[in-house]
Amino acid sequence: MSASESPVELFGMRVAHVGINEDTMEGAASTADALCALLGVARGEEPFPVSAFAGTLVEVMGNGGRGARGHIGLHVDDVDAAVAWYEARGVEFDESSRKARPDGLPGTYLIYFRQEIAGFAIHLTVAE
């Protein structure tokens, strides 16, 4: 695959975080705290009421989360452009997961691919 065909190159793609599934917010908070201690990071900002972050490295979902084994978040510079690029190549997205940008700017903030890989759901999110 040439650089012009690589979403990593085209959209500045990089790993945003790894997601771990817990069944409750108490479990999510406990897991996030344990990871913070292990990794030497502070609890991250929690913009969503369903997860707890260990820094920016790990998101612990307190609602069971997506993916049989969790999820992988990928930052891109432009979610909508990346989605259009993937769709032109036959890749499908879970439209029910699409979230608008919370900053009020036009465009998509987050969307999950339809297919899981090795039990992991994968989503694109806008780089901050």
Protein backbone atom coordinates (compact mmCIF):
# COMPACT_ATOMS: atom_id res chain seq x y z
CA MET A 1 0.00 0.00 0.00
CA SER A 2 1.49 3.34 -0.99
CA ALA A 3 1.49 6.30 1.39
CA SER A 4 -1.28 7.92 -0.67
CA GLU A 5 -3.44 4.87 0.07
CA SER A 6 -2.58 4.67 3.75
CA PRO A 7 -5.17 6.08 6.16
CA VAL A 8 -2.35 6.56 8.67
CA GLU A 9 -0.68 8.99 6.27
CA LEU A 10 -3.83 10.51 4.78
CA PHE A 11 -5.65 11.26 8.03
CA GLY A 12 -2.90 11.47 10.66
CA MET A 13 -4.23 8.26 12.22
CA ARG A 14 -2.82 7.22 15.57
CA VAL A 15 -3.96 5.23 18.57
CA ALA A 16 -6.10 7.37 20.84
CA HIS A 17 -6.69 4.81 23.58
CA VAL A 18 -7.50 1.22 24.41
CA GLY A 19 -10.94 0.48 25.83
CA ILE A 20 -11.70 -2.00 28.58
CA ASN A 21 -15.24 -3.15 29.40
CA GLU A 22 -16.63 -3.19 32.93
CA ASP A 23 -20.27 -3.73 33.88
CA THR A 24 -20.62 -0.81 36.32
CA MET A 25 -19.19 2.66 36.79
CA GLU A 26 -17.83 1.52 40.15
CA GLY A 27 -15.91 -1.25 38.38
CA ALA A 28 -14.75 1.22 35.73
CA ALA A 29 -13.49 3.66 38.35
CA SER A 30 -11.67 0.91 40.25
CA THR A 31 -10.03 -0.41 37.08
CA ALA A 32 -9.06 3.10 35.96
CA ASP A 33 -7.56 3.83 39.40
CA ALA A 34 -5.53 0.60 39.29
CA LEU A 35 -4.24 1.48 35.82
CA CYS A 36 -3.39 5.01 36.95
CA ALA A 37 -1.27 3.58 39.77
CA LEU A 38 0.41 1.09 37.43
CA LEU A 39 1.10 3.63 34.68
CA GLY A 40 1.88 6.61 36.89
CA VAL A 41 -0.81 8.78 35.32
CA ALA A 42 -3.68 10.80 36.76
CA ARG A 43 -7.32 10.08 36.09
CA GLY A 44 -8.20 11.66 32.78
CA GLU A 45 -11.06 13.97 32.06
CA GLU A 46 -14.26 12.03 31.77
CA PRO A 47 -16.31 13.75 29.09
CA PHE A 48 -18.84 10.93 29.03
CA PRO A 49 -20.79 9.61 32.02
CA VAL A 50 -20.23 5.98 30.95
CA SER A 51 -16.45 5.75 31.23
CA ALA A 52 -13.39 6.47 33.36
CA PHE A 53 -9.97 7.26 31.88
CA ALA A 54 -6.48 6.35 33.03
CA GLY A 55 -4.75 9.42 31.64
CA THR A 56 -5.49 9.40 27.93
CA LEU A 57 -4.17 5.86 27.42
CA VAL A 58 -7.07 3.71 28.60
CA GLU A 59 -10.83 4.26 28.63
CA VAL A 60 -12.70 1.95 30.99
CA MET A 61 -16.34 1.66 30.00
CA GLY A 62 -18.78 1.31 32.89
CA ASN A 63 -21.73 0.17 30.79
CA GLY A 64 -20.33 -3.05 29.34
CA GLY A 65 -18.87 -1.17 26.39
CA ARG A 66 -18.61 -2.25 22.79
CA GLY A 67 -16.64 -5.18 21.52
CA ALA A 68 -16.45 -8.63 23.05
CA ARG A 69 -12.97 -7.80 24.36
CA GLY A 70 -13.15 -4.02 24.46
CA HIS A 71 -12.36 -1.37 21.89
CA ILE A 72 -9.56 0.54 20.22
CA GLY A 73 -9.97 4.26 19.61
CA LEU A 74 -8.12 5.77 16.66
CA HIS A 75 -7.59 9.52 16.32
CA VAL A 76 -7.81 11.05 12.86
CA ASP A 77 -7.61 14.66 11.74
CA ASP A 78 -10.98 14.53 9.94
CA VAL A 79 -13.45 11.77 10.83
CA ASP A 80 -15.84 12.50 7.97
CA ALA A 81 -13.06 12.42 5.36
CA ALA A 82 -11.74 9.15 6.80
CA VAL A 83 -15.25 7.63 6.79
CA ALA A 84 -15.76 8.65 3.15
CA TRP A 85 -12.37 7.14 2.23
CA TYR A 86 -13.17 3.83 3.94
CA GLU A 87 -16.71 3.67 2.56
CA ALA A 88 -15.36 4.17 -0.97
CA ARG A 89 -13.41 0.96 -0.31
CA GLY A 90 -16.42 -1.00 0.91
CA VAL A 91 -15.85 -0.67 4.66
CA GLU A 92 -19.06 -0.25 6.68
CA PHE A 93 -19.71 1.83 9.78
CA ASP A 94 -22.28 1.53 12.55
CA GLU A 95 -24.26 4.69 11.86
CA SER A 96 -26.07 4.36 15.19
CA SER A 97 -22.73 5.08 16.89
CA ARG A 98 -22.10 8.38 15.07
CA LYS A 99 -21.69 11.30 17.50
CA ALA A 100 -21.58 14.98 16.55
CA ARG A 101 -18.65 17.11 17.65
CA PRO A 102 -19.25 18.38 21.21
CA ASP A 103 -17.52 21.69 20.42
CA GLY A 104 -20.36 22.68 18.10
CA LEU A 105 -18.23 22.58 14.98
CA PRO A 106 -19.71 20.71 12.02
CA GLY A 107 -18.75 17.12 11.50
CA THR A 108 -18.48 13.82 13.28
CA TYR A 109 -16.70 13.38 16.61
CA LEU A 110 -16.83 9.58 16.82
CA ILE A 111 -18.05 6.58 14.84
CA TYR A 112 -17.47 2.82 15.14
CA PHE A 113 -16.62 0.50 12.28
CA ARG A 114 -19.33 -2.15 11.85
CA GLN A 115 -16.87 -5.06 12.00
CA GLU A 116 -15.05 -6.12 15.15
CA ILE A 117 -11.54 -7.49 14.78
CA ALA A 118 -10.41 -10.19 17.22
CA GLY A 119 -13.25 -9.21 19.53
CA PHE A 120 -12.35 -5.51 19.55
CA ALA A 121 -14.70 -2.80 18.36
CA ILE A 122 -12.77 -0.03 16.64
CA HIS A 123 -13.77 3.61 16.38
CA LEU A 124 -12.50 6.74 14.76
CA THR A 125 -12.52 9.95 16.76
CA VAL A 126 -11.40 13.46 15.98
CA ALA A 127 -7.90 14.34 17.19
CA GLU A 128 -7.89 17.04 19.83
